[in-house]
Amino acid sequence: MGPGAVAFDEHIAAYYEAWYEAPEGRRADALEKASLCRLLGSFPGASSVLEVGSGTGHLTRWLNEQGLAAMGLDLSAAMLAQARMLDGALMVRGDACRLPFADGTFDLVALITTLEFLETPWQALAEALRVTRQGLLLGVLNRWSLLGLQRRLAGLLRPTVYDAGRFYGVGELRRLLQSVAGEEANIAWHTTLFPCGWPWPRMTWPWGGFIGMALRKEVSTGC
């Protein structure tokens, strides 16, 4: 996470992993992973990935299970301590806006529910594009969804981790990517995490609670 990012203390770090064991967390986790797995198909030759804002390494471990050599990066010492207790993923401490890697180090860079908590998300995206060879995998909380509305309303009743976050809509996220990668950026997206009972798990409708988006870099093949 970059300058101005939300500080995740020990209490939040411990709760973060426990949330995935609750019914709501299990459902969200399954739908979000299915969405990300589909988008990974945009990068058939990818073998390595850096997850920026990896928290406890929950998704870093999952990316390893998908056959990718995955590394997680987070600025929060509390999150990294939890990740090392769980083991199973290579984790480093670092700033999303000043990645400690050379250009083109990884095939992919993933930012999953990370941009929401950065003061300068465009700077983090520029850094992510610098260190990736093939492109970006993004997952963000959808501002224009029932879930997004519920989380914002919850913050009016009691403090939540989302209070300091900035949710995005599909159009806003596309424009943010294009501001960094250019207007002709190759972008694919869909949403998931619709209300329970919704018959389709993911759609190109901009109202699901979770937006999955992939940006594929145009690789020059030379003359």
C-alpha atoms as a PDB file:
ATOM      1  CA  MET A   1       0.000   0.000   0.000  1.00  0.00           C
ATOM      2  CA  GLY A   2       1.134   3.514  -0.718  1.00  0.00           C
ATOM      3  CA  PRO A   3       1.291   6.859   1.035  1.00  0.00           C
ATOM      4  CA  GLY A   4      -1.937   7.675   2.795  1.00  0.00           C
ATOM      5  CA  ALA A   5      -3.054   4.048   2.778  1.00  0.00           C
ATOM      6  CA  VAL A   6      -5.306   2.742   5.513  1.00  0.00           C
ATOM      7  CA  ALA A   7      -3.289   1.362   8.437  1.00  0.00           C
ATOM      8  CA  PHE A   8      -4.286  -2.221   9.199  1.00  0.00           C
ATOM      9  CA  ASP A   9      -3.515  -3.030  12.835  1.00  0.00           C
ATOM     10  CA  GLU A  10      -3.275  -6.416  14.545  1.00  0.00           C
ATOM     11  CA  HIS A  11      -7.002  -6.584  15.297  1.00  0.00           C
ATOM     12  CA  ILE A  12      -7.999  -6.008  11.680  1.00  0.00           C
ATOM     13  CA  ALA A  13      -5.305  -8.367  10.419  1.00  0.00           C
ATOM     14  CA  ALA A  14      -6.602 -11.211  12.594  1.00  0.00           C
ATOM     15  CA  TYR A  15     -10.219 -10.517  11.614  1.00  0.00           C
ATOM     16  CA  TYR A  16      -9.296 -10.373   7.923  1.00  0.00           C
ATOM     17  CA  GLU A  17      -8.518 -14.077   7.665  1.00  0.00           C
ATOM     18  CA  ALA A  18     -11.333 -15.164  10.004  1.00  0.00           C
ATOM     19  CA  TRP A  19     -13.878 -13.420   7.770  1.00  0.00           C
ATOM     20  CA  TYR A  20     -13.309 -16.024   5.048  1.00  0.00           C
ATOM     21  CA  GLU A  21     -14.601 -18.731   7.413  1.00  0.00           C
ATOM     22  CA  ALA A  22     -17.976 -17.034   7.909  1.00  0.00           C
ATOM     23  CA  PRO A  23     -20.849 -17.889   5.485  1.00  0.00           C
ATOM     24  CA  GLU A  24     -20.738 -14.432   3.876  1.00  0.00           C
ATOM     25  CA  GLY A  25     -16.973 -14.662   3.492  1.00  0.00           C
ATOM     26  CA  ARG A  26     -17.053 -18.156   1.991  1.00  0.00           C
ATOM     27  CA  ARG A  27     -19.633 -17.112  -0.606  1.00  0.00           C
ATOM     28  CA  ALA A  28     -17.784 -13.929  -1.542  1.00  0.00           C
ATOM     29  CA  ASP A  29     -14.459 -15.776  -1.690  1.00  0.00           C
ATOM     30  CA  ALA A  30     -15.782 -18.460  -4.040  1.00  0.00           C
ATOM     31  CA  LEU A  31     -17.424 -15.976  -6.414  1.00  0.00           C
ATOM     32  CA  GLU A  32     -14.456 -13.617  -6.466  1.00  0.00           C
ATOM     33  CA  LYS A  33     -11.976 -16.431  -7.112  1.00  0.00           C
ATOM     34  CA  ALA A  34     -14.140 -17.752  -9.955  1.00  0.00           C
ATOM     35  CA  SER A  35     -14.153 -14.260 -11.461  1.00  0.00           C
ATOM     36  CA  LEU A  36     -10.389 -13.883 -11.141  1.00  0.00           C
ATOM     37  CA  CYS A  37      -9.801 -17.367 -12.534  1.00  0.00           C
ATOM     38  CA  ARG A  38     -11.793 -16.479 -15.637  1.00  0.00           C
ATOM     39  CA  LEU A  39      -9.786 -13.297 -16.121  1.00  0.00           C
ATOM     40  CA  LEU A  40      -6.516 -15.208 -15.713  1.00  0.00           C
ATOM     41  CA  GLY A  41      -7.461 -16.838 -19.001  1.00  0.00           C
ATOM     42  CA  SER A  42      -6.540 -13.534 -20.652  1.00  0.00           C
ATOM     43  CA  PHE A  43      -2.894 -14.374 -19.864  1.00  0.00           C
ATOM     44  CA  PRO A  44      -2.391 -18.002 -21.003  1.00  0.00           C
ATOM     45  CA  GLY A  45       1.412 -17.855 -20.919  1.00  0.00           C
ATOM     46  CA  ALA A  46       1.771 -16.256 -17.499  1.00  0.00           C
ATOM     47  CA  SER A  47       3.863 -18.114 -14.935  1.00  0.00           C
ATOM     48  CA  SER A  48       4.591 -15.485 -12.249  1.00  0.00           C
ATOM     49  CA  VAL A  49       2.522 -12.899 -10.406  1.00  0.00           C
ATOM     50  CA  LEU A  50       3.019 -10.215  -7.785  1.00  0.00           C
ATOM     51  CA  GLU A  51       0.000  -9.496  -5.598  1.00  0.00           C
ATOM     52  CA  VAL A  52       0.199  -5.921  -4.348  1.00  0.00           C
ATOM     53  CA  GLY A  53      -1.655  -5.253  -1.107  1.00  0.00           C
ATOM     54  CA  SER A  54      -1.719  -8.959  -0.363  1.00  0.00           C
ATOM     55  CA  GLY A  55      -2.736  -8.670   3.287  1.00  0.00           C
ATOM     56  CA  THR A  56      -2.533 -12.047   4.988  1.00  0.00           C
ATOM     57  CA  GLY A  57      -1.659 -13.762   1.708  1.00  0.00           C
ATOM     58  CA  HIS A  58      -5.103 -15.349   1.259  1.00  0.00           C
ATOM     59  CA  LEU A  59      -5.174 -14.742  -2.487  1.00  0.00           C
ATOM     60  CA  THR A  60      -1.417 -15.071  -2.888  1.00  0.00           C
ATOM     61  CA  ARG A  61      -1.712 -18.653  -1.691  1.00  0.00           C
ATOM     62  CA  TRP A  62      -4.628 -19.215  -4.077  1.00  0.00           C
ATOM     63  CA  LEU A  63      -2.624 -17.821  -7.016  1.00  0.00           C
ATOM     64  CA  ASN A  64       0.100 -20.324  -6.179  1.00  0.00           C
ATOM     65  CA  GLU A  65      -2.528 -23.058  -6.356  1.00  0.00           C
ATOM     66  CA  GLN A  66      -3.411 -21.899  -9.878  1.00  0.00           C
ATOM     67  CA  GLY A  67       0.092 -22.838 -10.993  1.00  0.00           C
ATOM     68  CA  LEU A  68       1.642 -19.371 -10.777  1.00  0.00           C
ATOM     69  CA  ALA A  69       4.805 -18.501  -8.887  1.00  0.00           C
ATOM     70  CA  ALA A  70       3.147 -15.907  -6.648  1.00  0.00           C
ATOM     71  CA  MET A  71       4.693 -13.313  -4.353  1.00  0.00           C
ATOM     72  CA  GLY A  72       2.715 -11.054  -2.020  1.00  0.00           C
ATOM     73  CA  LEU A  73       3.643  -7.489  -1.099  1.00  0.00           C
ATOM     74  CA  ASP A  74       2.111  -5.407   1.681  1.00  0.00           C
ATOM     75  CA  LEU A  75       3.121  -2.401   3.744  1.00  0.00           C
ATOM     76  CA  SER A  76       1.345  -3.553   6.909  1.00  0.00           C
ATOM     77  CA  ALA A  77       3.613  -5.348   9.369  1.00  0.00           C
ATOM     78  CA  ALA A  78       0.514  -6.751  11.121  1.00  0.00           C
ATOM     79  CA  MET A  79      -0.786  -8.292   7.906  1.00  0.00           C
ATOM     80  CA  LEU A  80       2.601  -9.769   7.052  1.00  0.00           C
ATOM     81  CA  ALA A  81       2.902 -11.257  10.547  1.00  0.00           C
ATOM     82  CA  GLN A  82      -0.429 -13.024  10.043  1.00  0.00           C
ATOM     83  CA  ALA A  83       0.672 -14.210   6.592  1.00  0.00           C
ATOM     84  CA  ARG A  84       3.878 -15.733   7.968  1.00  0.00           C
ATOM     85  CA  MET A  85       1.902 -17.556  10.670  1.00  0.00           C
ATOM     86  CA  LEU A  86      -0.257 -19.119   7.961  1.00  0.00           C
ATOM     87  CA  ASP A  87       2.742 -19.866   5.728  1.00  0.00           C
ATOM     88  CA  GLY A  88       2.417 -21.104   2.151  1.00  0.00           C
ATOM     89  CA  ALA A  89       3.260 -17.876   0.303  1.00  0.00           C
ATOM     90  CA  LEU A  90       6.364 -15.774  -0.299  1.00  0.00           C
ATOM     91  CA  MET A  91       5.718 -12.354   1.231  1.00  0.00           C
ATOM     92  CA  VAL A  92       7.704  -9.114   1.266  1.00  0.00           C
ATOM     93  CA  ARG A  93       7.121  -5.715   2.817  1.00  0.00           C
ATOM     94  CA  GLY A  94       6.901  -2.849   0.370  1.00  0.00           C
ATOM     95  CA  ASP A  95       5.083   0.222  -0.884  1.00  0.00           C
ATOM     96  CA  ALA A  96       2.575  -0.124  -3.745  1.00  0.00           C
ATOM     97  CA  CYS A  97       3.693   3.236  -5.103  1.00  0.00           C
ATOM     98  CA  ARG A  98       7.425   2.423  -5.028  1.00  0.00           C
ATOM     99  CA  LEU A  99       7.723  -1.258  -5.891  1.00  0.00           C
ATOM    100  CA  PRO A 100      11.196  -2.648  -5.066  1.00  0.00           C
ATOM    101  CA  PHE A 101      11.521  -4.572  -8.350  1.00  0.00           C
ATOM    102  CA  ALA A 102      13.092  -3.994 -11.746  1.00  0.00           C
ATOM    103  CA  ASP A 103      11.039  -3.319 -14.865  1.00  0.00           C
ATOM    104  CA  GLY A 104       9.239  -6.403 -16.188  1.00  0.00           C
ATOM    105  CA  THR A 105      10.068  -8.639 -13.228  1.00  0.00           C
ATOM    106  CA  PHE A 106       6.682 -10.442 -13.208  1.00  0.00           C
ATOM    107  CA  ASP A 107       4.353 -11.733 -15.893  1.00  0.00           C
ATOM    108  CA  LEU A 108       1.365 -10.304 -13.994  1.00  0.00           C
ATOM    109  CA  VAL A 109       0.614  -7.913 -11.181  1.00  0.00           C
ATOM    110  CA  ALA A 110      -2.615  -8.325  -9.209  1.00  0.00           C
ATOM    111  CA  LEU A 111      -4.279  -5.674  -7.058  1.00  0.00           C
ATOM    112  CA  ILE A 112      -7.308  -7.190  -5.347  1.00  0.00           C
ATOM    113  CA  THR A 113      -9.296  -4.844  -3.067  1.00  0.00           C
ATOM    114  CA  THR A 114      -6.178  -2.691  -2.831  1.00  0.00           C
ATOM    115  CA  LEU A 115      -6.829   0.390  -4.964  1.00  0.00           C
ATOM    116  CA  GLU A 116      -9.740   1.330  -2.692  1.00  0.00           C
ATOM    117  CA  PHE A 117      -7.332   2.030   0.168  1.00  0.00           C
ATOM    118  CA  LEU A 118      -4.632   4.007  -1.663  1.00  0.00           C
ATOM    119  CA  GLU A 119      -4.402   7.773  -1.688  1.00  0.00           C
ATOM    120  CA  THR A 120      -2.709   7.801  -5.126  1.00  0.00           C
ATOM    121  CA  PRO A 121      -4.072   4.753  -6.990  1.00  0.00           C
ATOM    122  CA  TRP A 122      -2.798   5.980 -10.363  1.00  0.00           C
ATOM    123  CA  GLN A 123       0.746   5.931  -8.999  1.00  0.00           C
ATOM    124  CA  ALA A 124       0.323   2.337  -7.840  1.00  0.00           C
ATOM    125  CA  LEU A 125      -1.056   1.346 -11.259  1.00  0.00           C
ATOM    126  CA  ALA A 126       1.859   3.010 -13.033  1.00  0.00           C
ATOM    127  CA  GLU A 127       4.282   1.083 -10.819  1.00  0.00           C
ATOM    128  CA  ALA A 128       2.372  -2.156 -11.421  1.00  0.00           C
ATOM    129  CA  LEU A 129       2.545  -1.631 -15.183  1.00  0.00           C
ATOM    130  CA  ARG A 130       6.261  -0.974 -14.912  1.00  0.00           C
ATOM    131  CA  VAL A 131       7.071  -4.307 -13.258  1.00  0.00           C
ATOM    132  CA  THR A 132       4.721  -6.484 -15.323  1.00  0.00           C
ATOM    133  CA  ARG A 133       5.412  -8.012 -18.711  1.00  0.00           C
ATOM    134  CA  GLN A 134       1.875  -9.068 -19.643  1.00  0.00           C
ATOM    135  CA  GLY A 135      -0.639  -7.035 -17.681  1.00  0.00           C
ATOM    136  CA  LEU A 136      -2.743  -6.398 -14.620  1.00  0.00           C
ATOM    137  CA  LEU A 137      -5.435  -8.305 -12.765  1.00  0.00           C
ATOM    138  CA  LEU A 138      -7.731  -6.091 -10.694  1.00  0.00           C
ATOM    139  CA  GLY A 139     -10.533  -6.743  -8.252  1.00  0.00           C
ATOM    140  CA  VAL A 140     -12.374  -3.860  -6.632  1.00  0.00           C
ATOM    141  CA  LEU A 141     -15.494  -3.246  -4.579  1.00  0.00           C
ATOM    142  CA  ASN A 142     -18.267  -1.826  -6.759  1.00  0.00           C
ATOM    143  CA  ARG A 143     -19.610   1.534  -5.693  1.00  0.00           C
ATOM    144  CA  TRP A 144     -22.775   1.063  -7.746  1.00  0.00           C
ATOM    145  CA  SER A 145     -23.951  -2.189  -6.201  1.00  0.00           C
ATOM    146  CA  LEU A 146     -26.299  -3.170  -3.405  1.00  0.00           C
ATOM    147  CA  LEU A 147     -23.319  -4.526  -1.463  1.00  0.00           C
ATOM    148  CA  GLY A 148     -21.415  -1.282  -1.909  1.00  0.00           C
ATOM    149  CA  LEU A 149     -24.405   0.690  -0.643  1.00  0.00           C
ATOM    150  CA  GLN A 150     -24.785  -1.624   2.367  1.00  0.00           C
ATOM    151  CA  ARG A 151     -21.143  -1.181   3.320  1.00  0.00           C
ATOM    152  CA  ARG A 152     -21.321   2.590   3.055  1.00  0.00           C
ATOM    153  CA  LEU A 153     -24.486   2.682   5.178  1.00  0.00           C
ATOM    154  CA  ALA A 154     -22.889   0.390   7.760  1.00  0.00           C
ATOM    155  CA  GLY A 155     -20.187   3.005   8.212  1.00  0.00           C
ATOM    156  CA  LEU A 156     -22.817   5.495   9.338  1.00  0.00           C
ATOM    157  CA  LEU A 157     -23.743   3.225  12.257  1.00  0.00           C
ATOM    158  CA  ARG A 158     -20.324   2.045  13.417  1.00  0.00           C
ATOM    159  CA  PRO A 159     -16.704   2.373  12.303  1.00  0.00           C
ATOM    160  CA  THR A 160     -15.661  -0.135   9.625  1.00  0.00           C
ATOM    161  CA  VAL A 161     -12.492  -0.719   7.612  1.00  0.00           C
ATOM    162  CA  TYR A 162     -14.363   0.532   4.536  1.00  0.00           C
ATOM    163  CA  ASP A 163     -14.900   4.018   5.957  1.00  0.00           C
ATOM    164  CA  ALA A 164     -11.540   5.231   4.669  1.00  0.00           C
ATOM    165  CA  GLY A 165     -11.820   3.350   1.373  1.00  0.00           C
ATOM    166  CA  ARG A 166     -12.923   4.627  -1.998  1.00  0.00           C
ATOM    167  CA  PHE A 167     -15.174   2.324  -3.972  1.00  0.00           C
ATOM    168  CA  TYR A 168     -15.203   2.401  -7.785  1.00  0.00           C
ATOM    169  CA  GLY A 169     -17.733   1.858 -10.538  1.00  0.00           C
ATOM    170  CA  VAL A 170     -16.847   0.021 -13.760  1.00  0.00           C
ATOM    171  CA  GLY A 171     -16.585   3.215 -15.804  1.00  0.00           C
ATOM    172  CA  GLU A 172     -14.507   4.986 -13.190  1.00  0.00           C
ATOM    173  CA  LEU A 173     -12.112   2.054 -12.912  1.00  0.00           C
ATOM    174  CA  ARG A 174     -11.737   1.856 -16.707  1.00  0.00           C
ATOM    175  CA  ARG A 175     -10.961   5.559 -16.895  1.00  0.00           C
ATOM    176  CA  LEU A 176      -8.407   5.227 -14.114  1.00  0.00           C
ATOM    177  CA  LEU A 177      -6.654   2.428 -16.006  1.00  0.00           C
ATOM    178  CA  GLN A 178      -6.792   4.353 -19.272  1.00  0.00           C
ATOM    179  CA  SER A 179      -5.307   7.423 -17.610  1.00  0.00           C
ATOM    180  CA  VAL A 180      -2.217   5.333 -16.870  1.00  0.00           C
ATOM    181  CA  ALA A 181      -2.109   2.830 -19.755  1.00  0.00           C
ATOM    182  CA  GLY A 182      -3.604   4.968 -22.535  1.00  0.00           C
ATOM    183  CA  GLU A 183      -7.025   5.314 -24.148  1.00  0.00           C
ATOM    184  CA  GLU A 184      -6.512   2.230 -26.320  1.00  0.00           C
ATOM    185  CA  ALA A 185      -5.732  -0.062 -23.386  1.00  0.00           C
ATOM    186  CA  ASN A 186      -6.912  -3.656 -23.873  1.00  0.00           C
ATOM    187  CA  ILE A 187      -9.373  -4.078 -20.996  1.00  0.00           C
ATOM    188  CA  ALA A 188     -11.802  -6.887 -20.148  1.00  0.00           C
ATOM    189  CA  TRP A 189     -14.190  -6.917 -17.202  1.00  0.00           C
ATOM    190  CA  HIS A 190     -17.250  -8.431 -15.562  1.00  0.00           C
ATOM    191  CA  THR A 191     -18.932  -8.214 -12.181  1.00  0.00           C
ATOM    192  CA  THR A 192     -20.013 -10.825  -9.665  1.00  0.00           C
ATOM    193  CA  LEU A 193     -21.312 -10.991  -6.082  1.00  0.00           C
ATOM    194  CA  PHE A 194     -24.918 -10.205  -6.879  1.00  0.00           C
ATOM    195  CA  PRO A 195     -27.554 -10.665  -4.147  1.00  0.00           C
ATOM    196  CA  CYS A 196     -28.227 -14.245  -2.999  1.00  0.00           C
ATOM    197  CA  GLY A 197     -30.574 -16.047  -5.374  1.00  0.00           C
ATOM    198  CA  TRP A 198     -29.327 -14.202  -8.454  1.00  0.00           C
ATOM    199  CA  PRO A 199     -29.303 -16.819 -11.263  1.00  0.00           C
ATOM    200  CA  TRP A 200     -26.016 -15.826 -12.953  1.00  0.00           C
ATOM    201  CA  PRO A 201     -22.734 -15.739 -10.997  1.00  0.00           C
ATOM    202  CA  ARG A 202     -21.067 -13.106 -13.200  1.00  0.00           C
ATOM    203  CA  MET A 203     -22.165 -10.763 -15.949  1.00  0.00           C
ATOM    204  CA  THR A 204     -21.066  -7.771 -17.992  1.00  0.00           C
ATOM    205  CA  TRP A 205     -23.575  -5.740 -16.030  1.00  0.00           C
ATOM    206  CA  PRO A 206     -22.002  -2.986 -13.937  1.00  0.00           C
ATOM    207  CA  TRP A 207     -23.903  -3.690 -10.711  1.00  0.00           C
ATOM    208  CA  GLY A 208     -22.310  -6.745  -9.078  1.00  0.00           C
ATOM    209  CA  GLY A 209     -20.629  -6.174  -5.727  1.00  0.00           C
ATOM    210  CA  PHE A 210     -17.169  -7.123  -7.052  1.00  0.00           C
ATOM    211  CA  ILE A 211     -15.605  -5.875 -10.289  1.00  0.00           C
ATOM    212  CA  GLY A 212     -13.011  -8.109 -11.927  1.00  0.00           C
ATOM    213  CA  MET A 213     -10.925  -6.354 -14.575  1.00  0.00           C
ATOM    214  CA  ALA A 214      -7.901  -7.361 -16.630  1.00  0.00           C
ATOM    215  CA  LEU A 215      -5.590  -5.126 -18.627  1.00  0.00           C
ATOM    216  CA  ARG A 216      -3.420  -6.854 -21.210  1.00  0.00           C
ATOM    217  CA  LYS A 217      -0.282  -4.974 -22.203  1.00  0.00           C
ATOM    218  CA  GLU A 218       0.465  -4.670 -25.881  1.00  0.00           C
ATOM    219  CA  VAL A 219       3.812  -6.382 -26.323  1.00  0.00           C
ATOM    220  CA  SER A 220       5.917  -5.174 -29.211  1.00  0.00           C
ATOM    221  CA  THR A 221       7.097  -7.986 -31.461  1.00  0.00           C
ATOM    222  CA  GLY A 222       9.677  -5.888 -33.243  1.00  0.00           C
ATOM    223  CA  CYS A 223      10.200  -5.722 -37.024  1.00  0.00           C
END
